[in-house]
Amino acid sequence: MYQAEKVLDEVVDRRAGTSFKQIAGLEGTKQVLQEALVFPSLRPDLFKGIRAPPRGVLLFGPPGNGKTLLAKAVASEMNCTFFHLSTSLIRQKYVGDSEKVVRTVFTLAEHMQPSVIFFDEVDGIFLARRENDASWVRSLQSELLTRMDGLETNHDGRLLVIAATNRPQELDEAAIRRFTRRFYIPLPDMEARLEIMNRSLQKAEVVGQDLEVDLKETNLQQVAEKMEGYTGSDVTVLCKEAAMGPIRDLFARGSEQALREEARAITACDFEYAFKRTRPSVSKKFLQVIIPSLRKL
């Protein structure tokens, strides 16, 4: 088996699992993923025939909204070994041997069932085929398609492939057909942005003491409304920027040695300043391109 130990070290994610409860927002998506993937893994006797779970799942949508976290949560809730394989890893370390790596990953995943193989940035593998594609890209595509076809014929296997992409409109149609369930992961709505804010501010801690937040619920809602168009990651970045406000004031006063307790609370002014220093990472033009993909997928 091609470099099995190296592949295990680089691809198997051994960190603590993520649960659906740890992911803010996306309630509808989490419920559907539970019904389509988690429940069948817990009670396979109930999910046979027409109820059989999919073997290939595609998560698509703007970057920074939790596609990787959702894949990890699925694996954790299913008590699966999680194989995390990104296109960038293949391009950087395994060019020329990419199909061998895929073969090794699938073989290891079969031995370590139940397993989830997660392909991040799958558009880097499955862009619509062109005549001038490099030979290693064509070999990789063929190997992966063959392996996924094998999953569909192995009805007793407990191996799931999840892929994520920000560019579904550019995926090869043959690949799309292998992912029989496809889920759009949208930008967070108002309620989700507020939840992400609250969770982020709860993490704004110094050793032994929570960092105080002097914001009424109405202020938080106003900030959340203003963040329409922000990704989940953007919301977290803005909260971190706001949390730096009290620390900047300490240093501006020459209080580098001040006690932690002397740091003032985070206020609405800190968020106003944070809005000036941060911008949403997803453009309206990007959304105009990706939204039509919903009808095609």
C-alpha atoms as a PDB file:
ATOM      1  CA  MET A   1       0.000   0.000   0.000  1.00  0.00           C
ATOM      2  CA  TYR A   2       1.488   3.354  -1.088  1.00  0.00           C
ATOM      3  CA  GLN A   3       3.050   5.187   1.901  1.00  0.00           C
ATOM      4  CA  ALA A   4       0.274   4.036   4.223  1.00  0.00           C
ATOM      5  CA  GLU A   5       1.882   5.330   7.429  1.00  0.00           C
ATOM      6  CA  LYS A   6       2.596   8.753   5.920  1.00  0.00           C
ATOM      7  CA  VAL A   7      -0.930   9.033   4.562  1.00  0.00           C
ATOM      8  CA  LEU A   8      -2.368   8.069   7.954  1.00  0.00           C
ATOM      9  CA  ASP A   9      -0.304  10.753   9.683  1.00  0.00           C
ATOM     10  CA  GLU A  10      -1.243  13.485   7.224  1.00  0.00           C
ATOM     11  CA  VAL A  11      -4.835  12.636   6.375  1.00  0.00           C
ATOM     12  CA  VAL A  12      -6.490  11.084   9.444  1.00  0.00           C
ATOM     13  CA  ASP A  13      -7.774  13.828  11.753  1.00  0.00           C
ATOM     14  CA  ARG A  14      -7.207  12.594  15.308  1.00  0.00           C
ATOM     15  CA  ARG A  15      -8.277  15.778  17.066  1.00  0.00           C
ATOM     16  CA  ALA A  16     -11.305  15.981  19.330  1.00  0.00           C
ATOM     17  CA  GLY A  17     -14.567  15.595  17.456  1.00  0.00           C
ATOM     18  CA  THR A  18     -17.009  18.369  16.661  1.00  0.00           C
ATOM     19  CA  SER A  19     -20.703  17.994  17.445  1.00  0.00           C
ATOM     20  CA  PHE A  20     -23.642  19.647  15.727  1.00  0.00           C
ATOM     21  CA  LYS A  21     -24.345  21.528  18.963  1.00  0.00           C
ATOM     22  CA  GLN A  22     -20.993  23.279  18.645  1.00  0.00           C
ATOM     23  CA  ILE A  23     -21.929  24.730  15.253  1.00  0.00           C
ATOM     24  CA  ALA A  24     -23.889  27.980  15.358  1.00  0.00           C
ATOM     25  CA  GLY A  25     -26.869  28.297  13.035  1.00  0.00           C
ATOM     26  CA  LEU A  26     -27.545  26.007  10.062  1.00  0.00           C
ATOM     27  CA  GLU A  27     -30.301  24.270  12.023  1.00  0.00           C
ATOM     28  CA  GLY A  28     -32.140  23.022   8.953  1.00  0.00           C
ATOM     29  CA  THR A  29     -28.962  21.694   7.364  1.00  0.00           C
ATOM     30  CA  LYS A  30     -27.898  19.942  10.560  1.00  0.00           C
ATOM     31  CA  GLN A  31     -31.285  18.265  10.881  1.00  0.00           C
ATOM     32  CA  VAL A  32     -31.200  17.008   7.281  1.00  0.00           C
ATOM     33  CA  LEU A  33     -27.636  15.706   7.687  1.00  0.00           C
ATOM     34  CA  GLN A  34     -28.663  13.885  10.847  1.00  0.00           C
ATOM     35  CA  GLU A  35     -31.613  12.251   9.124  1.00  0.00           C
ATOM     36  CA  ALA A  36     -29.721  11.397   5.930  1.00  0.00           C
ATOM     37  CA  LEU A  37     -26.401  10.267   7.425  1.00  0.00           C
ATOM     38  CA  VAL A  38     -26.233   9.986  11.213  1.00  0.00           C
ATOM     39  CA  PHE A  39     -29.470   8.111  11.908  1.00  0.00           C
ATOM     40  CA  PRO A  40     -28.729   5.431   9.255  1.00  0.00           C
ATOM     41  CA  SER A  41     -25.317   4.827  10.825  1.00  0.00           C
ATOM     42  CA  LEU A  42     -26.876   4.353  14.264  1.00  0.00           C
ATOM     43  CA  ARG A  43     -29.725   2.116  13.048  1.00  0.00           C
ATOM     44  CA  PRO A  44     -28.666   0.538   9.734  1.00  0.00           C
ATOM     45  CA  ASP A  45     -31.436  -2.046  10.101  1.00  0.00           C
ATOM     46  CA  LEU A  46     -34.016   0.712   9.565  1.00  0.00           C
ATOM     47  CA  PHE A  47     -32.345   2.263   6.543  1.00  0.00           C
ATOM     48  CA  LYS A  48     -32.332  -0.269   3.745  1.00  0.00           C
ATOM     49  CA  GLY A  49     -33.709  -0.281   0.229  1.00  0.00           C
ATOM     50  CA  ILE A  50     -35.328   3.030  -0.584  1.00  0.00           C
ATOM     51  CA  ARG A  51     -34.190   4.419   2.802  1.00  0.00           C
ATOM     52  CA  ALA A  52     -30.534   3.521   2.190  1.00  0.00           C
ATOM     53  CA  PRO A  53     -28.215   6.458   2.958  1.00  0.00           C
ATOM     54  CA  PRO A  54     -26.176   8.172   0.226  1.00  0.00           C
ATOM     55  CA  ARG A  55     -22.521   7.219  -0.211  1.00  0.00           C
ATOM     56  CA  GLY A  56     -21.517  10.568  -1.696  1.00  0.00           C
ATOM     57  CA  VAL A  57     -22.487  13.991  -0.288  1.00  0.00           C
ATOM     58  CA  LEU A  58     -21.572  17.435  -1.636  1.00  0.00           C
ATOM     59  CA  LEU A  59     -21.533  20.539   0.566  1.00  0.00           C
ATOM     60  CA  PHE A  60     -21.340  23.745  -1.442  1.00  0.00           C
ATOM     61  CA  GLY A  61     -21.610  27.457  -0.799  1.00  0.00           C
ATOM     62  CA  PRO A  62     -19.569  30.553   0.069  1.00  0.00           C
ATOM     63  CA  PRO A  63     -16.307  29.967   1.968  1.00  0.00           C
ATOM     64  CA  GLY A  64     -16.125  30.429   5.719  1.00  0.00           C
ATOM     65  CA  ASN A  65     -19.588  29.131   6.610  1.00  0.00           C
ATOM     66  CA  GLY A  66     -18.863  25.781   8.236  1.00  0.00           C
ATOM     67  CA  LYS A  67     -18.639  23.160   5.494  1.00  0.00           C
ATOM     68  CA  THR A  68     -15.562  21.550   7.052  1.00  0.00           C
ATOM     69  CA  LEU A  69     -17.066  21.767  10.543  1.00  0.00           C
ATOM     70  CA  LEU A  70     -20.240  20.073   9.321  1.00  0.00           C
ATOM     71  CA  ALA A  71     -18.232  17.237   7.773  1.00  0.00           C
ATOM     72  CA  LYS A  72     -16.313  16.777  11.033  1.00  0.00           C
ATOM     73  CA  ALA A  73     -19.549  16.846  13.022  1.00  0.00           C
ATOM     74  CA  VAL A  74     -21.082  14.165  10.798  1.00  0.00           C
ATOM     75  CA  ALA A  75     -18.042  11.937  11.348  1.00  0.00           C
ATOM     76  CA  SER A  76     -18.088  12.584  15.090  1.00  0.00           C
ATOM     77  CA  GLU A  77     -21.823  11.930  15.471  1.00  0.00           C
ATOM     78  CA  MET A  78     -21.401   8.711  13.463  1.00  0.00           C
ATOM     79  CA  ASN A  79     -18.348   7.665  15.536  1.00  0.00           C
ATOM     80  CA  CYS A  80     -16.312   7.433  12.338  1.00  0.00           C
ATOM     81  CA  THR A  81     -12.640   7.693  11.472  1.00  0.00           C
ATOM     82  CA  PHE A  82     -12.252  11.053   9.699  1.00  0.00           C
ATOM     83  CA  PHE A  83      -9.970  11.234   6.651  1.00  0.00           C
ATOM     84  CA  HIS A  84      -9.359  14.859   5.634  1.00  0.00           C
ATOM     85  CA  LEU A  85      -7.873  15.135   2.151  1.00  0.00           C
ATOM     86  CA  SER A  86      -7.487  18.531   0.490  1.00  0.00           C
ATOM     87  CA  THR A  87      -6.585  19.300  -3.091  1.00  0.00           C
ATOM     88  CA  SER A  88      -3.794  21.577  -1.888  1.00  0.00           C
ATOM     89  CA  LEU A  89      -2.184  18.668   0.012  1.00  0.00           C
ATOM     90  CA  ILE A  90      -2.290  16.494  -3.101  1.00  0.00           C
ATOM     91  CA  ARG A  91      -0.849  19.243  -5.290  1.00  0.00           C
ATOM     92  CA  GLN A  92       1.931  20.131  -2.877  1.00  0.00           C
ATOM     93  CA  LYS A  93       3.078  16.667  -1.797  1.00  0.00           C
ATOM     94  CA  TYR A  94       1.754  13.976  -4.085  1.00  0.00           C
ATOM     95  CA  VAL A  95       1.787  15.256  -7.672  1.00  0.00           C
ATOM     96  CA  GLY A  96       2.519  12.249  -9.869  1.00  0.00           C
ATOM     97  CA  ASP A  97       1.296   9.822  -7.216  1.00  0.00           C
ATOM     98  CA  SER A  98      -2.099  11.371  -6.529  1.00  0.00           C
ATOM     99  CA  GLU A  99      -4.143   8.389  -7.721  1.00  0.00           C
ATOM    100  CA  LYS A 100      -2.020   6.105  -5.513  1.00  0.00           C
ATOM    101  CA  VAL A 101      -2.773   8.320  -2.526  1.00  0.00           C
ATOM    102  CA  VAL A 102      -6.513   8.170  -3.227  1.00  0.00           C
ATOM    103  CA  ARG A 103      -6.293   4.392  -3.574  1.00  0.00           C
ATOM    104  CA  THR A 104      -4.456   4.173  -0.245  1.00  0.00           C
ATOM    105  CA  VAL A 105      -6.955   6.464   1.504  1.00  0.00           C
ATOM    106  CA  PHE A 106      -9.920   4.381   0.338  1.00  0.00           C
ATOM    107  CA  THR A 107      -8.193   1.123   1.288  1.00  0.00           C
ATOM    108  CA  LEU A 108      -7.357   2.434   4.763  1.00  0.00           C
ATOM    109  CA  ALA A 109     -10.867   3.825   5.189  1.00  0.00           C
ATOM    110  CA  GLU A 110     -12.345   0.442   4.295  1.00  0.00           C
ATOM    111  CA  HIS A 111     -10.120  -1.263   6.882  1.00  0.00           C
ATOM    112  CA  MET A 112     -11.029   1.336   9.531  1.00  0.00           C
ATOM    113  CA  GLN A 113     -14.801   1.405   8.940  1.00  0.00           C
ATOM    114  CA  PRO A 114     -16.987   3.167   9.783  1.00  0.00           C
ATOM    115  CA  SER A 115     -15.162   5.991   8.007  1.00  0.00           C
ATOM    116  CA  VAL A 116     -15.763   9.383   6.439  1.00  0.00           C
ATOM    117  CA  ILE A 117     -13.466  10.603   3.664  1.00  0.00           C
ATOM    118  CA  PHE A 118     -13.691  14.380   3.337  1.00  0.00           C
ATOM    119  CA  PHE A 119     -12.417  16.014   0.146  1.00  0.00           C
ATOM    120  CA  ASP A 120     -11.937  19.727   0.753  1.00  0.00           C
ATOM    121  CA  GLU A 121     -11.675  22.059  -2.261  1.00  0.00           C
ATOM    122  CA  VAL A 122     -12.929  19.211  -4.455  1.00  0.00           C
ATOM    123  CA  ASP A 123     -13.272  21.617  -7.387  1.00  0.00           C
ATOM    124  CA  GLY A 124      -9.475  21.412  -7.649  1.00  0.00           C
ATOM    125  CA  ILE A 125      -9.910  17.757  -8.602  1.00  0.00           C
ATOM    126  CA  PHE A 126     -13.210  17.775 -10.448  1.00  0.00           C
ATOM    127  CA  LEU A 127     -13.215  20.912 -12.553  1.00  0.00           C
ATOM    128  CA  ALA A 128     -15.081  20.348 -15.814  1.00  0.00           C
ATOM    129  CA  ARG A 129     -12.719  18.331 -17.965  1.00  0.00           C
ATOM    130  CA  ARG A 130     -10.592  20.019 -20.605  1.00  0.00           C
ATOM    131  CA  GLU A 131      -8.381  18.620 -23.337  1.00  0.00           C
ATOM    132  CA  ASN A 132      -5.305  20.300 -21.870  1.00  0.00           C
ATOM    133  CA  ASP A 133      -5.733  18.830 -18.362  1.00  0.00           C
ATOM    134  CA  ALA A 134      -2.495  17.431 -16.941  1.00  0.00           C
ATOM    135  CA  SER A 135      -2.251  13.644 -17.096  1.00  0.00           C
ATOM    136  CA  TRP A 136      -2.069  13.353 -13.306  1.00  0.00           C
ATOM    137  CA  VAL A 137      -5.355  15.278 -12.999  1.00  0.00           C
ATOM    138  CA  ARG A 138      -7.095  12.900 -15.416  1.00  0.00           C
ATOM    139  CA  SER A 139      -5.663   9.881 -13.586  1.00  0.00           C
ATOM    140  CA  LEU A 140      -6.802  11.269 -10.243  1.00  0.00           C
ATOM    141  CA  GLN A 141     -10.302  11.954 -11.542  1.00  0.00           C
ATOM    142  CA  SER A 142     -10.628   8.464 -12.989  1.00  0.00           C
ATOM    143  CA  GLU A 143      -9.377   6.794  -9.808  1.00  0.00           C
ATOM    144  CA  LEU A 144     -11.727   8.763  -7.584  1.00  0.00           C
ATOM    145  CA  LEU A 145     -14.756   8.160  -9.808  1.00  0.00           C
ATOM    146  CA  THR A 146     -13.979   4.444  -9.898  1.00  0.00           C
ATOM    147  CA  ARG A 147     -13.660   4.288  -6.121  1.00  0.00           C
ATOM    148  CA  MET A 148     -16.952   6.105  -5.614  1.00  0.00           C
ATOM    149  CA  ASP A 149     -18.681   3.750  -8.031  1.00  0.00           C
ATOM    150  CA  GLY A 150     -17.402   0.898  -5.869  1.00  0.00           C
ATOM    151  CA  LEU A 151     -19.104   2.380  -2.819  1.00  0.00           C
ATOM    152  CA  GLU A 152     -22.484   2.253  -4.528  1.00  0.00           C
ATOM    153  CA  THR A 153     -22.139  -1.469  -5.257  1.00  0.00           C
ATOM    154  CA  ASN A 154     -20.944  -2.373  -1.744  1.00  0.00           C
ATOM    155  CA  HIS A 155     -24.251  -2.259   0.104  1.00  0.00           C
ATOM    156  CA  ASP A 156     -22.795  -3.507   3.393  1.00  0.00           C
ATOM    157  CA  GLY A 157     -19.942  -0.996   3.533  1.00  0.00           C
ATOM    158  CA  ARG A 158     -19.884   1.823   6.072  1.00  0.00           C
ATOM    159  CA  LEU A 159     -17.804   4.342   4.181  1.00  0.00           C
ATOM    160  CA  LEU A 160     -19.069   7.805   3.282  1.00  0.00           C
ATOM    161  CA  VAL A 161     -17.472  10.395   0.991  1.00  0.00           C
ATOM    162  CA  ILE A 162     -18.199  14.065   1.715  1.00  0.00           C
ATOM    163  CA  ALA A 163     -16.856  16.779  -0.562  1.00  0.00           C
ATOM    164  CA  ALA A 164     -16.874  20.560  -0.197  1.00  0.00           C
ATOM    165  CA  THR A 165     -16.588  23.279  -2.806  1.00  0.00           C
ATOM    166  CA  ASN A 166     -17.017  27.029  -3.173  1.00  0.00           C
ATOM    167  CA  ARG A 167     -17.392  26.668  -6.958  1.00  0.00           C
ATOM    168  CA  PRO A 168     -20.123  24.124  -7.717  1.00  0.00           C
ATOM    169  CA  GLN A 169     -20.828  25.716 -11.092  1.00  0.00           C
ATOM    170  CA  GLU A 170     -17.395  24.559 -12.304  1.00  0.00           C
ATOM    171  CA  LEU A 171     -17.644  20.911 -11.254  1.00  0.00           C
ATOM    172  CA  ASP A 172     -17.531  18.106 -13.788  1.00  0.00           C
ATOM    173  CA  GLU A 173     -20.995  16.610 -14.363  1.00  0.00           C
ATOM    174  CA  ALA A 174     -19.712  13.051 -13.955  1.00  0.00           C
ATOM    175  CA  ALA A 175     -18.508  13.973 -10.471  1.00  0.00           C
ATOM    176  CA  ILE A 176     -21.745  15.708  -9.530  1.00  0.00           C
ATOM    177  CA  ARG A 177     -23.687  12.532 -10.360  1.00  0.00           C
ATOM    178  CA  ARG A 178     -21.617  10.575  -7.813  1.00  0.00           C
ATOM    179  CA  PHE A 179     -22.681  12.958  -5.043  1.00  0.00           C
ATOM    180  CA  THR A 180     -26.305  11.918  -4.851  1.00  0.00           C
ATOM    181  CA  ARG A 181     -27.130  14.322  -1.994  1.00  0.00           C
ATOM    182  CA  ARG A 182     -26.108  17.951  -2.356  1.00  0.00           C
ATOM    183  CA  PHE A 183     -26.530  20.614   0.329  1.00  0.00           C
ATOM    184  CA  TYR A 184     -26.184  24.380  -0.010  1.00  0.00           C
ATOM    185  CA  ILE A 185     -24.472  25.948   3.020  1.00  0.00           C
ATOM    186  CA  PRO A 186     -25.617  29.595   3.027  1.00  0.00           C
ATOM    187  CA  LEU A 187     -24.391  32.746   4.691  1.00  0.00           C
ATOM    188  CA  PRO A 188     -25.604  32.955   8.313  1.00  0.00           C
ATOM    189  CA  ASP A 189     -28.962  34.608   8.819  1.00  0.00           C
ATOM    190  CA  MET A 190     -29.679  37.174  11.518  1.00  0.00           C
ATOM    191  CA  GLU A 191     -30.278  34.581  14.238  1.00  0.00           C
ATOM    192  CA  ALA A 192     -27.125  32.656  13.345  1.00  0.00           C
ATOM    193  CA  ARG A 193     -24.984  35.817  13.278  1.00  0.00           C
ATOM    194  CA  LEU A 194     -26.240  36.723  16.737  1.00  0.00           C
ATOM    195  CA  GLU A 195     -25.434  33.226  18.005  1.00  0.00           C
ATOM    196  CA  ILE A 196     -21.921  33.358  16.517  1.00  0.00           C
ATOM    197  CA  MET A 197     -21.384  36.761  18.131  1.00  0.00           C
ATOM    198  CA  ASN A 198     -22.477  35.532  21.555  1.00  0.00           C
ATOM    199  CA  ARG A 199     -20.254  32.464  21.302  1.00  0.00           C
ATOM    200  CA  SER A 200     -17.286  34.524  20.130  1.00  0.00           C
ATOM    201  CA  LEU A 201     -17.653  37.044  22.932  1.00  0.00           C
ATOM    202  CA  GLN A 202     -17.920  34.249  25.493  1.00  0.00           C
ATOM    203  CA  LYS A 203     -14.501  33.104  24.283  1.00  0.00           C
ATOM    204  CA  ALA A 204     -13.062  36.593  24.724  1.00  0.00           C
ATOM    205  CA  GLU A 205     -11.410  35.613  27.981  1.00  0.00           C
ATOM    206  CA  VAL A 206      -8.261  36.421  29.867  1.00  0.00           C
ATOM    207  CA  VAL A 207      -6.831  33.934  32.322  1.00  0.00           C
ATOM    208  CA  GLY A 208      -9.050  33.682  35.363  1.00  0.00           C
ATOM    209  CA  GLN A 209     -11.578  36.292  34.297  1.00  0.00           C
ATOM    210  CA  ASP A 210     -14.138  36.808  31.550  1.00  0.00           C
ATOM    211  CA  LEU A 211     -13.629  39.935  29.483  1.00  0.00           C
ATOM    212  CA  GLU A 212     -16.554  42.198  30.271  1.00  0.00           C
ATOM    213  CA  VAL A 213     -18.986  43.127  27.515  1.00  0.00           C
ATOM    214  CA  ASP A 214     -21.035  46.299  28.025  1.00  0.00           C
ATOM    215  CA  LEU A 215     -23.634  45.761  25.327  1.00  0.00           C
ATOM    216  CA  LYS A 216     -27.387  45.486  25.657  1.00  0.00           C
ATOM    217  CA  GLU A 217     -29.226  42.846  23.650  1.00  0.00           C
ATOM    218  CA  THR A 218     -30.584  45.579  21.378  1.00  0.00           C
ATOM    219  CA  ASN A 219     -27.016  46.720  20.635  1.00  0.00           C
ATOM    220  CA  LEU A 220     -25.984  43.171  19.745  1.00  0.00           C
ATOM    221  CA  GLN A 221     -28.982  42.824  17.432  1.00  0.00           C
ATOM    222  CA  GLN A 222     -28.099  46.081  15.703  1.00  0.00           C
ATOM    223  CA  VAL A 223     -24.547  44.857  15.154  1.00  0.00           C
ATOM    224  CA  ALA A 224     -25.837  41.517  13.857  1.00  0.00           C
ATOM    225  CA  GLU A 225     -28.186  43.298  11.435  1.00  0.00           C
ATOM    226  CA  LYS A 226     -25.304  45.396  10.143  1.00  0.00           C
ATOM    227  CA  MET A 227     -23.334  42.214   9.406  1.00  0.00           C
ATOM    228  CA  GLU A 228     -25.726  41.010   6.731  1.00  0.00           C
ATOM    229  CA  GLY A 229     -23.599  39.484   3.975  1.00  0.00           C
ATOM    230  CA  TYR A 230     -20.855  38.384   6.394  1.00  0.00           C
ATOM    231  CA  THR A 231     -19.745  34.764   6.552  1.00  0.00           C
ATOM    232  CA  GLY A 232     -19.517  32.941   9.866  1.00  0.00           C
ATOM    233  CA  SER A 233     -15.750  33.442   9.810  1.00  0.00           C
ATOM    234  CA  ASP A 234     -16.221  37.161   9.075  1.00  0.00           C
ATOM    235  CA  VAL A 235     -18.447  37.526  12.149  1.00  0.00           C
ATOM    236  CA  THR A 236     -15.793  35.894  14.334  1.00  0.00           C
ATOM    237  CA  VAL A 237     -13.059  38.127  12.901  1.00  0.00           C
ATOM    238  CA  LEU A 238     -15.119  41.247  13.578  1.00  0.00           C
ATOM    239  CA  CYS A 239     -15.761  40.169  17.184  1.00  0.00           C
ATOM    240  CA  LYS A 240     -12.041  39.575  17.707  1.00  0.00           C
ATOM    241  CA  GLU A 241     -11.317  43.034  16.332  1.00  0.00           C
ATOM    242  CA  ALA A 242     -13.874  44.592  18.689  1.00  0.00           C
ATOM    243  CA  ALA A 243     -12.418  42.667  21.637  1.00  0.00           C
ATOM    244  CA  MET A 244      -9.051  44.303  20.958  1.00  0.00           C
ATOM    245  CA  GLY A 245     -10.491  47.767  21.679  1.00  0.00           C
ATOM    246  CA  PRO A 246     -10.020  47.696  25.472  1.00  0.00           C
ATOM    247  CA  ILE A 247      -6.501  46.282  25.080  1.00  0.00           C
ATOM    248  CA  ARG A 248      -5.505  49.047  22.663  1.00  0.00           C
ATOM    249  CA  ASP A 249      -6.699  51.596  25.193  1.00  0.00           C
ATOM    250  CA  LEU A 250      -4.520  50.054  27.906  1.00  0.00           C
ATOM    251  CA  PHE A 251      -1.426  50.291  25.737  1.00  0.00           C
ATOM    252  CA  ALA A 252      -2.361  53.774  24.497  1.00  0.00           C
ATOM    253  CA  ARG A 253      -2.350  54.947  28.124  1.00  0.00           C
ATOM    254  CA  GLY A 254       1.088  53.442  28.619  1.00  0.00           C
ATOM    255  CA  SER A 255      -0.431  50.793  30.874  1.00  0.00           C
ATOM    256  CA  GLU A 256       1.462  47.776  29.554  1.00  0.00           C
ATOM    257  CA  GLN A 257       1.843  46.500  33.114  1.00  0.00           C
ATOM    258  CA  ALA A 258      -1.758  47.167  34.112  1.00  0.00           C
ATOM    259  CA  LEU A 259      -3.788  44.475  35.803  1.00  0.00           C
ATOM    260  CA  ARG A 260      -6.222  42.546  33.665  1.00  0.00           C
ATOM    261  CA  GLU A 261      -9.065  43.909  35.761  1.00  0.00           C
ATOM    262  CA  GLU A 262      -8.229  47.423  34.567  1.00  0.00           C
ATOM    263  CA  ALA A 263      -9.252  46.662  31.000  1.00  0.00           C
ATOM    264  CA  ARG A 264     -12.577  48.336  30.268  1.00  0.00           C
ATOM    265  CA  ALA A 265     -15.579  46.505  28.858  1.00  0.00           C
ATOM    266  CA  ILE A 266     -16.152  45.949  25.146  1.00  0.00           C
ATOM    267  CA  THR A 267     -18.653  48.561  23.937  1.00  0.00           C
ATOM    268  CA  ALA A 268     -20.682  49.411  20.852  1.00  0.00           C
ATOM    269  CA  CYS A 269     -17.946  51.886  19.902  1.00  0.00           C
ATOM    270  CA  ASP A 270     -15.488  49.001  19.628  1.00  0.00           C
ATOM    271  CA  PHE A 271     -17.777  47.330  17.126  1.00  0.00           C
ATOM    272  CA  GLU A 272     -18.138  50.541  15.134  1.00  0.00           C
ATOM    273  CA  TYR A 273     -14.349  50.731  14.930  1.00  0.00           C
ATOM    274  CA  ALA A 274     -14.178  47.051  13.985  1.00  0.00           C
ATOM    275  CA  PHE A 275     -16.567  47.643  11.072  1.00  0.00           C
ATOM    276  CA  LYS A 276     -14.135  50.232   9.718  1.00  0.00           C
ATOM    277  CA  ARG A 277     -11.243  47.767   9.860  1.00  0.00           C
ATOM    278  CA  THR A 278     -12.948  44.657   8.464  1.00  0.00           C
ATOM    279  CA  ARG A 279     -14.893  43.810   5.334  1.00  0.00           C
ATOM    280  CA  PRO A 280     -17.063  40.842   4.327  1.00  0.00           C
ATOM    281  CA  SER A 281     -14.965  38.279   2.472  1.00  0.00           C
ATOM    282  CA  VAL A 282     -17.683  37.214   0.023  1.00  0.00           C
ATOM    283  CA  SER A 283     -18.632  39.675  -2.699  1.00  0.00           C
ATOM    284  CA  LYS A 284     -22.117  40.165  -4.119  1.00  0.00           C
ATOM    285  CA  LYS A 285     -20.682  39.157  -7.490  1.00  0.00           C
ATOM    286  CA  PHE A 286     -19.630  35.790  -6.041  1.00  0.00           C
ATOM    287  CA  LEU A 287     -23.140  35.176  -4.724  1.00  0.00           C
ATOM    288  CA  GLN A 288     -24.645  36.131  -8.090  1.00  0.00           C
ATOM    289  CA  VAL A 289     -22.546  33.370  -9.642  1.00  0.00           C
ATOM    290  CA  ILE A 290     -23.144  30.655  -7.040  1.00  0.00           C
ATOM    291  CA  ILE A 291     -26.874  31.120  -6.401  1.00  0.00           C
ATOM    292  CA  PRO A 292     -27.926  29.924  -9.906  1.00  0.00           C
ATOM    293  CA  SER A 293     -26.084  26.666  -9.136  1.00  0.00           C
ATOM    294  CA  LEU A 294     -28.857  25.826  -6.672  1.00  0.00           C
ATOM    295  CA  ARG A 295     -31.232  25.181  -9.552  1.00  0.00           C
ATOM    296  CA  LYS A 296     -28.697  23.070 -11.467  1.00  0.00           C
ATOM    297  CA  LEU A 297     -27.708  20.895  -8.506  1.00  0.00           C
END
